[in-house]
Amino acid sequence: YVAEAKRQLFGRVGIDLLAGPTETL
């Protein structure tokens, strides 16, 4: 939900990147 909020708010503000949920390989 936080990652999606950043995606939708991008343009209104800058974002660092889309981060989450965490992944490991």
mmCIF file of all heavy atoms, coordinates in Angstrom:
data_MODEL
# 
_entry.id   MODEL 
# 
loop_
_atom_site.group_PDB 
_atom_site.id 
_atom_site.type_symbol 
_atom_site.label_atom_id 
_atom_site.label_alt_id 
_atom_site.label_comp_id 
_atom_site.label_asym_id 
_atom_site.label_entity_id 
_atom_site.label_seq_id 
_atom_site.pdbx_PDB_ins_code 
_atom_site.Cartn_x 
_atom_site.Cartn_y 
_atom_site.Cartn_z 
_atom_site.occupancy 
_atom_site.B_iso_or_equiv 
_atom_site.pdbx_formal_charge 
_atom_site.auth_seq_id 
_atom_site.auth_comp_id 
_atom_site.auth_asym_id 
_atom_site.auth_atom_id 
_atom_site.pdbx_PDB_model_num 
ATOM 1   N N   . TYR A 1 1  ? 0.825  -1.205  0.000   1.00 0.00 ? 1  TYR A N   1 
ATOM 2   C CA  . TYR A 1 1  ? 0.000  0.000   0.000   1.00 0.00 ? 1  TYR A CA  1 
ATOM 3   C C   . TYR A 1 1  ? 0.866  1.266   0.000   1.00 0.00 ? 1  TYR A C   1 
ATOM 4   O O   . TYR A 1 1  ? 0.561  2.239   -0.709  1.00 0.00 ? 1  TYR A O   1 
ATOM 5   C CB  . TYR A 1 1  ? -0.939 -0.009  1.207   1.00 0.00 ? 1  TYR A CB  1 
ATOM 6   C CG  . TYR A 1 1  ? -1.982 -1.097  1.116   1.00 0.00 ? 1  TYR A CG  1 
ATOM 7   C CD1 . TYR A 1 1  ? -1.733 -2.363  1.651   1.00 0.00 ? 1  TYR A CD1 1 
ATOM 8   C CD2 . TYR A 1 1  ? -3.188 -0.880  0.478   1.00 0.00 ? 1  TYR A CD2 1 
ATOM 9   C CE1 . TYR A 1 1  ? -2.677 -3.377  1.550   1.00 0.00 ? 1  TYR A CE1 1 
ATOM 10  C CE2 . TYR A 1 1  ? -4.145 -1.881  0.374   1.00 0.00 ? 1  TYR A CE2 1 
ATOM 11  C CZ  . TYR A 1 1  ? -3.875 -3.132  0.912   1.00 0.00 ? 1  TYR A CZ  1 
ATOM 12  O OH  . TYR A 1 1  ? -4.812 -4.131  0.813   1.00 0.00 ? 1  TYR A OH  1 
ATOM 13  N N   . VAL A 1 2  ? 1.938  1.247   0.764   1.00 0.00 ? 2  VAL A N   1 
ATOM 14  C CA  . VAL A 1 2  ? 2.858  2.387   0.791   1.00 0.00 ? 2  VAL A CA  1 
ATOM 15  C C   . VAL A 1 2  ? 3.534  2.553   -0.571  1.00 0.00 ? 2  VAL A C   1 
ATOM 16  O O   . VAL A 1 2  ? 3.653  3.666   -1.096  1.00 0.00 ? 2  VAL A O   1 
ATOM 17  C CB  . VAL A 1 2  ? 3.899  2.212   1.918   1.00 0.00 ? 2  VAL A CB  1 
ATOM 18  C CG1 . VAL A 1 2  ? 5.028  3.250   1.781   1.00 0.00 ? 2  VAL A CG1 1 
ATOM 19  C CG2 . VAL A 1 2  ? 3.233  2.337   3.277   1.00 0.00 ? 2  VAL A CG2 1 
ATOM 20  N N   . ALA A 1 3  ? 3.988  1.433   -1.152  1.00 0.00 ? 3  ALA A N   1 
ATOM 21  C CA  . ALA A 1 3  ? 4.632  1.495   -2.463  1.00 0.00 ? 3  ALA A CA  1 
ATOM 22  C C   . ALA A 1 3  ? 3.669  2.027   -3.522  1.00 0.00 ? 3  ALA A C   1 
ATOM 23  O O   . ALA A 1 3  ? 4.049  2.841   -4.376  1.00 0.00 ? 3  ALA A O   1 
ATOM 24  C CB  . ALA A 1 3  ? 5.154  0.117   -2.860  1.00 0.00 ? 3  ALA A CB  1 
ATOM 25  N N   . GLU A 1 4  ? 2.419  1.586   -3.473  1.00 0.00 ? 4  GLU A N   1 
ATOM 26  C CA  . GLU A 1 4  ? 1.419  2.056   -4.431  1.00 0.00 ? 4  GLU A CA  1 
ATOM 27  C C   . GLU A 1 4  ? 1.123  3.548   -4.226  1.00 0.00 ? 4  GLU A C   1 
ATOM 28  O O   . GLU A 1 4  ? 0.914  4.295   -5.186  1.00 0.00 ? 4  GLU A O   1 
ATOM 29  C CB  . GLU A 1 4  ? 0.136  1.235   -4.309  1.00 0.00 ? 4  GLU A CB  1 
ATOM 30  C CG  . GLU A 1 4  ? -1.013 1.702   -5.200  1.00 0.00 ? 4  GLU A CG  1 
ATOM 31  C CD  . GLU A 1 4  ? -0.711 1.674   -6.681  1.00 0.00 ? 4  GLU A CD  1 
ATOM 32  O OE1 . GLU A 1 4  ? 0.206  0.930   -7.111  1.00 0.00 ? 4  GLU A OE1 1 
ATOM 33  O OE2 . GLU A 1 4  ? -1.387 2.424   -7.430  1.00 0.00 ? 4  GLU A OE2 1 
ATOM 34  N N   . ALA A 1 5  ? 1.090  3.988   -2.968  1.00 0.00 ? 5  ALA A N   1 
ATOM 35  C CA  . ALA A 1 5  ? 0.875  5.407   -2.694  1.00 0.00 ? 5  ALA A CA  1 
ATOM 36  C C   . ALA A 1 5  ? 1.987  6.245   -3.325  1.00 0.00 ? 5  ALA A C   1 
ATOM 37  O O   . ALA A 1 5  ? 1.722  7.302   -3.921  1.00 0.00 ? 5  ALA A O   1 
ATOM 38  C CB  . ALA A 1 5  ? 0.809  5.659   -1.191  1.00 0.00 ? 5  ALA A CB  1 
ATOM 39  N N   . LYS A 1 6  ? 3.227  5.791   -3.208  1.00 0.00 ? 6  LYS A N   1 
ATOM 40  C CA  . LYS A 1 6  ? 4.335  6.509   -3.834  1.00 0.00 ? 6  LYS A CA  1 
ATOM 41  C C   . LYS A 1 6  ? 4.144  6.571   -5.348  1.00 0.00 ? 6  LYS A C   1 
ATOM 42  O O   . LYS A 1 6  ? 4.365  7.615   -5.974  1.00 0.00 ? 6  LYS A O   1 
ATOM 43  C CB  . LYS A 1 6  ? 5.667  5.831   -3.490  1.00 0.00 ? 6  LYS A CB  1 
ATOM 44  C CG  . LYS A 1 6  ? 6.092  6.032   -2.045  1.00 0.00 ? 6  LYS A CG  1 
ATOM 45  C CD  . LYS A 1 6  ? 7.254  5.134   -1.678  1.00 0.00 ? 6  LYS A CD  1 
ATOM 46  C CE  . LYS A 1 6  ? 8.551  5.599   -2.247  1.00 0.00 ? 6  LYS A CE  1 
ATOM 47  N NZ  . LYS A 1 6  ? 9.698  4.742   -1.775  1.00 0.00 ? 6  LYS A NZ  1 
ATOM 48  N N   . ARG A 1 7  ? 3.709  5.457   -5.936  1.00 0.00 ? 7  ARG A N   1 
ATOM 49  C CA  . ARG A 1 7  ? 3.506  5.424   -7.383  1.00 0.00 ? 7  ARG A CA  1 
ATOM 50  C C   . ARG A 1 7  ? 2.449  6.433   -7.809  1.00 0.00 ? 7  ARG A C   1 
ATOM 51  O O   . ARG A 1 7  ? 2.629  7.179   -8.778  1.00 0.00 ? 7  ARG A O   1 
ATOM 52  C CB  . ARG A 1 7  ? 3.099  4.022   -7.832  1.00 0.00 ? 7  ARG A CB  1 
ATOM 53  C CG  . ARG A 1 7  ? 3.117  3.831   -9.346  1.00 0.00 ? 7  ARG A CG  1 
ATOM 54  C CD  . ARG A 1 7  ? 2.484  2.512   -9.745  1.00 0.00 ? 7  ARG A CD  1 
ATOM 55  N NE  . ARG A 1 7  ? 1.049  2.507   -9.507  1.00 0.00 ? 7  ARG A NE  1 
ATOM 56  C CZ  . ARG A 1 7  ? 0.164  3.091   -10.308 1.00 0.00 ? 7  ARG A CZ  1 
ATOM 57  N NH1 . ARG A 1 7  ? 0.543  3.710   -11.405 1.00 0.00 ? 7  ARG A NH1 1 
ATOM 58  N NH2 . ARG A 1 7  ? -1.120 3.048   -10.011 1.00 0.00 ? 7  ARG A NH2 1 
ATOM 59  N N   . GLN A 1 8  ? 1.341  6.478   -7.065  1.00 0.00 ? 8  GLN A N   1 
ATOM 60  C CA  . GLN A 1 8  ? 0.259  7.390   -7.431  1.00 0.00 ? 8  GLN A CA  1 
ATOM 61  C C   . GLN A 1 8  ? 0.591  8.851   -7.157  1.00 0.00 ? 8  GLN A C   1 
ATOM 62  O O   . GLN A 1 8  ? 0.073  9.747   -7.821  1.00 0.00 ? 8  GLN A O   1 
ATOM 63  C CB  . GLN A 1 8  ? -1.019 6.990   -6.691  1.00 0.00 ? 8  GLN A CB  1 
ATOM 64  C CG  . GLN A 1 8  ? -1.604 5.668   -7.154  1.00 0.00 ? 8  GLN A CG  1 
ATOM 65  C CD  . GLN A 1 8  ? -2.997 5.388   -6.599  1.00 0.00 ? 8  GLN A CD  1 
ATOM 66  O OE1 . GLN A 1 8  ? -3.718 6.289   -6.198  1.00 0.00 ? 8  GLN A OE1 1 
ATOM 67  N NE2 . GLN A 1 8  ? -3.381 4.126   -6.567  1.00 0.00 ? 8  GLN A NE2 1 
ATOM 68  N N   . LEU A 1 9  ? 1.460  9.092   -6.189  1.00 0.00 ? 9  LEU A N   1 
ATOM 69  C CA  . LEU A 1 9  ? 1.813  10.462  -5.836  1.00 0.00 ? 9  LEU A CA  1 
ATOM 70  C C   . LEU A 1 9  ? 2.973  11.009  -6.666  1.00 0.00 ? 9  LEU A C   1 
ATOM 71  O O   . LEU A 1 9  ? 3.248  12.208  -6.630  1.00 0.00 ? 9  LEU A O   1 
ATOM 72  C CB  . LEU A 1 9  ? 2.168  10.543  -4.345  1.00 0.00 ? 9  LEU A CB  1 
ATOM 73  C CG  . LEU A 1 9  ? 0.981  10.371  -3.387  1.00 0.00 ? 9  LEU A CG  1 
ATOM 74  C CD1 . LEU A 1 9  ? 1.486  10.068  -1.979  1.00 0.00 ? 9  LEU A CD1 1 
ATOM 75  C CD2 . LEU A 1 9  ? 0.094  11.609  -3.393  1.00 0.00 ? 9  LEU A CD2 1 
ATOM 76  N N   . PHE A 1 10 ? 3.657  10.142  -7.407  1.00 0.00 ? 10 PHE A N   1 
ATOM 77  C CA  . PHE A 1 10 ? 4.772  10.591  -8.226  1.00 0.00 ? 10 PHE A CA  1 
ATOM 78  C C   . PHE A 1 10 ? 4.290  11.607  -9.274  1.00 0.00 ? 10 PHE A C   1 
ATOM 79  O O   . PHE A 1 10 ? 3.313  11.405  -9.973  1.00 0.00 ? 10 PHE A O   1 
ATOM 80  C CB  . PHE A 1 10 ? 5.433  9.414   -8.939  1.00 0.00 ? 10 PHE A CB  1 
ATOM 81  C CG  . PHE A 1 10 ? 6.534  9.827   -9.870  1.00 0.00 ? 10 PHE A CG  1 
ATOM 82  C CD1 . PHE A 1 10 ? 7.677  10.422  -9.373  1.00 0.00 ? 10 PHE A CD1 1 
ATOM 83  C CD2 . PHE A 1 10 ? 6.425  9.639   -11.236 1.00 0.00 ? 10 PHE A CD2 1 
ATOM 84  C CE1 . PHE A 1 10 ? 8.693  10.827  -10.229 1.00 0.00 ? 10 PHE A CE1 1 
ATOM 85  C CE2 . PHE A 1 10 ? 7.434  10.036  -12.093 1.00 0.00 ? 10 PHE A CE2 1 
ATOM 86  C CZ  . PHE A 1 10 ? 8.574  10.624  -11.587 1.00 0.00 ? 10 PHE A CZ  1 
ATOM 87  N N   . GLY A 1 11 ? 5.002  12.688  -9.357  1.00 0.00 ? 11 GLY A N   1 
ATOM 88  C CA  . GLY A 1 11 ? 4.612  13.808  -10.216 1.00 0.00 ? 11 GLY A CA  1 
ATOM 89  C C   . GLY A 1 11 ? 4.147  14.959  -9.347  1.00 0.00 ? 11 GLY A C   1 
ATOM 90  O O   . GLY A 1 11 ? 4.580  16.090  -9.553  1.00 0.00 ? 11 GLY A O   1 
ATOM 91  N N   . ARG A 1 12 ? 3.279  14.643  -8.382  1.00 0.00 ? 12 ARG A N   1 
ATOM 92  C CA  . ARG A 1 12 ? 2.928  15.651  -7.378  1.00 0.00 ? 12 ARG A CA  1 
ATOM 93  C C   . ARG A 1 12 ? 4.160  15.939  -6.525  1.00 0.00 ? 12 ARG A C   1 
ATOM 94  O O   . ARG A 1 12 ? 4.436  17.086  -6.165  1.00 0.00 ? 12 ARG A O   1 
ATOM 95  C CB  . ARG A 1 12 ? 1.764  15.146  -6.522  1.00 0.00 ? 12 ARG A CB  1 
ATOM 96  C CG  . ARG A 1 12 ? 1.241  16.103  -5.466  1.00 0.00 ? 12 ARG A CG  1 
ATOM 97  C CD  . ARG A 1 12 ? 0.567  17.312  -6.087  1.00 0.00 ? 12 ARG A CD  1 
ATOM 98  N NE  . ARG A 1 12 ? -0.028 18.170  -5.074  1.00 0.00 ? 12 ARG A NE  1 
ATOM 99  C CZ  . ARG A 1 12 ? -1.330 18.220  -4.842  1.00 0.00 ? 12 ARG A CZ  1 
ATOM 100 N NH1 . ARG A 1 12 ? -2.156 17.466  -5.549  1.00 0.00 ? 12 ARG A NH1 1 
ATOM 101 N NH2 . ARG A 1 12 ? -1.811 19.014  -3.928  1.00 0.00 ? 12 ARG A NH2 1 
ATOM 102 N N   . VAL A 1 13 ? 4.884  14.900  -6.192  1.00 0.00 ? 13 VAL A N   1 
ATOM 103 C CA  . VAL A 1 13 ? 6.180  14.993  -5.525  1.00 0.00 ? 13 VAL A CA  1 
ATOM 104 C C   . VAL A 1 13 ? 7.129  14.029  -6.207  1.00 0.00 ? 13 VAL A C   1 
ATOM 105 O O   . VAL A 1 13 ? 6.709  13.156  -6.964  1.00 0.00 ? 13 VAL A O   1 
ATOM 106 C CB  . VAL A 1 13 ? 6.092  14.645  -4.020  1.00 0.00 ? 13 VAL A CB  1 
ATOM 107 C CG1 . VAL A 1 13 ? 5.272  15.666  -3.264  1.00 0.00 ? 13 VAL A CG1 1 
ATOM 108 C CG2 . VAL A 1 13 ? 5.528  13.238  -3.823  1.00 0.00 ? 13 VAL A CG2 1 
ATOM 109 N N   . GLY A 1 14 ? 8.411  14.166  -5.938  1.00 0.00 ? 14 GLY A N   1 
ATOM 110 C CA  . GLY A 1 14 ? 9.364  13.181  -6.391  1.00 0.00 ? 14 GLY A CA  1 
ATOM 111 C C   . GLY A 1 14 ? 9.328  11.968  -5.482  1.00 0.00 ? 14 GLY A C   1 
ATOM 112 O O   . GLY A 1 14 ? 8.889  12.041  -4.339  1.00 0.00 ? 14 GLY A O   1 
ATOM 113 N N   . ILE A 1 15 ? 9.770  10.837  -5.983  1.00 0.00 ? 15 ILE A N   1 
ATOM 114 C CA  . ILE A 1 15 ? 9.947  9.652   -5.138  1.00 0.00 ? 15 ILE A CA  1 
ATOM 115 C C   . ILE A 1 15 ? 11.337 9.099   -5.381  1.00 0.00 ? 15 ILE A C   1 
ATOM 116 O O   . ILE A 1 15 ? 11.957 9.355   -6.417  1.00 0.00 ? 15 ILE A O   1 
ATOM 117 C CB  . ILE A 1 15 ? 8.884  8.568   -5.389  1.00 0.00 ? 15 ILE A CB  1 
ATOM 118 C CG1 . ILE A 1 15 ? 9.014  7.978   -6.796  1.00 0.00 ? 15 ILE A CG1 1 
ATOM 119 C CG2 . ILE A 1 15 ? 7.484  9.101   -5.145  1.00 0.00 ? 15 ILE A CG2 1 
ATOM 120 C CD1 . ILE A 1 15 ? 8.207  6.681   -6.975  1.00 0.00 ? 15 ILE A CD1 1 
ATOM 121 N N   . ASP A 1 16 ? 11.824 8.375   -4.386  1.00 0.00 ? 16 ASP A N   1 
ATOM 122 C CA  . ASP A 1 16 ? 13.131 7.757   -4.554  1.00 0.00 ? 16 ASP A CA  1 
ATOM 123 C C   . ASP A 1 16 ? 13.038 6.595   -5.539  1.00 0.00 ? 16 ASP A C   1 
ATOM 124 O O   . ASP A 1 16 ? 13.724 6.550   -6.558  1.00 0.00 ? 16 ASP A O   1 
ATOM 125 C CB  . ASP A 1 16 ? 13.707 7.301   -3.213  1.00 0.00 ? 16 ASP A CB  1 
ATOM 126 C CG  . ASP A 1 16 ? 12.724 6.463   -2.379  1.00 0.00 ? 16 ASP A CG  1 
ATOM 127 O OD1 . ASP A 1 16 ? 11.540 6.336   -2.755  1.00 0.00 ? 16 ASP A OD1 1 
ATOM 128 O OD2 . ASP A 1 16 ? 13.135 5.947   -1.322  1.00 0.00 ? 16 ASP A OD2 1 
ATOM 129 N N   . LEU A 1 17 ? 12.142 5.667   -5.290  1.00 0.00 ? 17 LEU A N   1 
ATOM 130 C CA  . LEU A 1 17 ? 11.932 4.485   -6.118  1.00 0.00 ? 17 LEU A CA  1 
ATOM 131 C C   . LEU A 1 17 ? 10.758 3.715   -5.526  1.00 0.00 ? 17 LEU A C   1 
ATOM 132 O O   . LEU A 1 17 ? 10.293 4.033   -4.422  1.00 0.00 ? 17 LEU A O   1 
ATOM 133 C CB  . LEU A 1 17 ? 13.184 3.600   -6.143  1.00 0.00 ? 17 LEU A CB  1 
ATOM 134 C CG  . LEU A 1 17 ? 13.625 3.005   -4.801  1.00 0.00 ? 17 LEU A CG  1 
ATOM 135 C CD1 . LEU A 1 17 ? 14.292 1.671   -5.011  1.00 0.00 ? 17 LEU A CD1 1 
ATOM 136 C CD2 . LEU A 1 17 ? 14.637 3.929   -4.111  1.00 0.00 ? 17 LEU A CD2 1 
ATOM 137 N N   . LEU A 1 18 ? 10.294 2.711   -6.257  1.00 0.00 ? 18 LEU A N   1 
ATOM 138 C CA  . LEU A 1 18 ? 9.236  1.848   -5.729  1.00 0.00 ? 18 LEU A CA  1 
ATOM 139 C C   . LEU A 1 18 ? 9.894  0.743   -4.915  1.00 0.00 ? 18 LEU A C   1 
ATOM 140 O O   . LEU A 1 18 ? 10.561 -0.135  -5.473  1.00 0.00 ? 18 LEU A O   1 
ATOM 141 C CB  . LEU A 1 18 ? 8.399  1.281   -6.870  1.00 0.00 ? 18 LEU A CB  1 
ATOM 142 C CG  . LEU A 1 18 ? 7.641  2.343   -7.694  1.00 0.00 ? 18 LEU A CG  1 
ATOM 143 C CD1 . LEU A 1 18 ? 6.905  1.692   -8.850  1.00 0.00 ? 18 LEU A CD1 1 
ATOM 144 C CD2 . LEU A 1 18 ? 6.684  3.139   -6.828  1.00 0.00 ? 18 LEU A CD2 1 
ATOM 145 N N   . ALA A 1 19 ? 9.705  0.801   -3.590  1.00 0.00 ? 19 ALA A N   1 
ATOM 146 C CA  . ALA A 1 19 ? 10.416 -0.098  -2.688  1.00 0.00 ? 19 ALA A CA  1 
ATOM 147 C C   . ALA A 1 19 ? 9.440  -0.818  -1.773  1.00 0.00 ? 19 ALA A C   1 
ATOM 148 O O   . ALA A 1 19 ? 8.943  -0.245  -0.806  1.00 0.00 ? 19 ALA A O   1 
ATOM 149 C CB  . ALA A 1 19 ? 11.429 0.689   -1.856  1.00 0.00 ? 19 ALA A CB  1 
ATOM 150 N N   . GLY A 1 20 ? 9.143  -2.059  -2.086  1.00 0.00 ? 20 GLY A N   1 
ATOM 151 C CA  . GLY A 1 20 ? 8.306  -2.872  -1.234  1.00 0.00 ? 20 GLY A CA  1 
ATOM 152 C C   . GLY A 1 20 ? 7.166  -3.531  -1.998  1.00 0.00 ? 20 GLY A C   1 
ATOM 153 O O   . GLY A 1 20 ? 6.773  -3.041  -3.051  1.00 0.00 ? 20 GLY A O   1 
ATOM 154 N N   . PRO A 1 21 ? 6.669  -4.655  -1.488  1.00 0.00 ? 21 PRO A N   1 
ATOM 155 C CA  . PRO A 1 21 ? 7.195  -5.443  -0.367  1.00 0.00 ? 21 PRO A CA  1 
ATOM 156 C C   . PRO A 1 21 ? 8.566  -6.035  -0.701  1.00 0.00 ? 21 PRO A C   1 
ATOM 157 O O   . PRO A 1 21 ? 8.920  -6.160  -1.873  1.00 0.00 ? 21 PRO A O   1 
ATOM 158 C CB  . PRO A 1 21 ? 6.155  -6.564  -0.177  1.00 0.00 ? 21 PRO A CB  1 
ATOM 159 C CG  . PRO A 1 21 ? 4.935  -6.087  -0.876  1.00 0.00 ? 21 PRO A CG  1 
ATOM 160 C CD  . PRO A 1 21 ? 5.418  -5.232  -2.007  1.00 0.00 ? 21 PRO A CD  1 
ATOM 161 N N   . THR A 1 22 ? 9.294  -6.405  0.342   1.00 0.00 ? 22 THR A N   1 
ATOM 162 C CA  . THR A 1 22 ? 10.673 -6.842  0.166   1.00 0.00 ? 22 THR A CA  1 
ATOM 163 C C   . THR A 1 22 ? 10.762 -8.147  -0.609  1.00 0.00 ? 22 THR A C   1 
ATOM 164 O O   . THR A 1 22 ? 9.844  -8.969  -0.607  1.00 0.00 ? 22 THR A O   1 
ATOM 165 C CB  . THR A 1 22 ? 11.374 -6.972  1.530   1.00 0.00 ? 22 THR A CB  1 
ATOM 166 O OG1 . THR A 1 22 ? 12.796 -7.055  1.321   1.00 0.00 ? 22 THR A OG1 1 
ATOM 167 C CG2 . THR A 1 22 ? 10.901 -8.219  2.279   1.00 0.00 ? 22 THR A CG2 1 
ATOM 168 N N   . GLU A 1 23 ? 11.899 -8.336  -1.287  1.00 0.00 ? 23 GLU A N   1 
ATOM 169 C CA  . GLU A 1 23 ? 12.173 -9.531  -2.088  1.00 0.00 ? 23 GLU A CA  1 
ATOM 170 C C   . GLU A 1 23 ? 13.595 -10.010 -1.791  1.00 0.00 ? 23 GLU A C   1 
ATOM 171 O O   . GLU A 1 23 ? 14.488 -9.197  -1.539  1.00 0.00 ? 23 GLU A O   1 
ATOM 172 C CB  . GLU A 1 23 ? 12.099 -9.222  -3.586  1.00 0.00 ? 23 GLU A CB  1 
ATOM 173 C CG  . GLU A 1 23 ? 10.821 -8.559  -4.062  1.00 0.00 ? 23 GLU A CG  1 
ATOM 174 C CD  . GLU A 1 23 ? 10.984 -7.912  -5.422  1.00 0.00 ? 23 GLU A CD  1 
ATOM 175 O OE1 . GLU A 1 23 ? 12.134 -7.732  -5.903  1.00 0.00 ? 23 GLU A OE1 1 
ATOM 176 O OE2 . GLU A 1 23 ? 9.944  -7.580  -6.016  1.00 0.00 ? 23 GLU A OE2 1 
ATOM 177 N N   . THR A 1 24 ? 13.800 -11.322 -1.872  1.00 0.00 ? 24 THR A N   1 
ATOM 178 C CA  . THR A 1 24 ? 15.167 -11.829 -1.767  1.00 0.00 ? 24 THR A CA  1 
ATOM 179 C C   . THR A 1 24 ? 15.368 -12.966 -2.753  1.00 0.00 ? 24 THR A C   1 
ATOM 180 O O   . THR A 1 24 ? 14.472 -13.781 -2.996  1.00 0.00 ? 24 THR A O   1 
ATOM 181 C CB  . THR A 1 24 ? 15.498 -12.292 -0.333  1.00 0.00 ? 24 THR A CB  1 
ATOM 182 O OG1 . THR A 1 24 ? 16.915 -12.442 -0.198  1.00 0.00 ? 24 THR A OG1 1 
ATOM 183 C CG2 . THR A 1 24 ? 14.802 -13.609 0.010   1.00 0.00 ? 24 THR A CG2 1 
ATOM 184 N N   . LEU A 1 25 ? 16.554 -12.985 -3.353  1.00 0.00 ? 25 LEU A N   1 
ATOM 185 C CA  . LEU A 1 25 ? 16.968 -14.035 -4.272  1.00 0.00 ? 25 LEU A CA  1 
ATOM 186 C C   . LEU A 1 25 ? 18.305 -14.566 -3.787  1.00 0.00 ? 25 LEU A C   1 
ATOM 187 O O   . LEU A 1 25 ? 19.249 -13.797 -3.595  1.00 0.00 ? 25 LEU A O   1 
ATOM 188 C CB  . LEU A 1 25 ? 17.102 -13.483 -5.689  1.00 0.00 ? 25 LEU A CB  1 
ATOM 189 C CG  . LEU A 1 25 ? 17.781 -14.395 -6.726  1.00 0.00 ? 25 LEU A CG  1 
ATOM 190 C CD1 . LEU A 1 25 ? 16.912 -15.617 -7.022  1.00 0.00 ? 25 LEU A CD1 1 
ATOM 191 C CD2 . LEU A 1 25 ? 18.077 -13.628 -8.016  1.00 0.00 ? 25 LEU A CD2 1 
# 
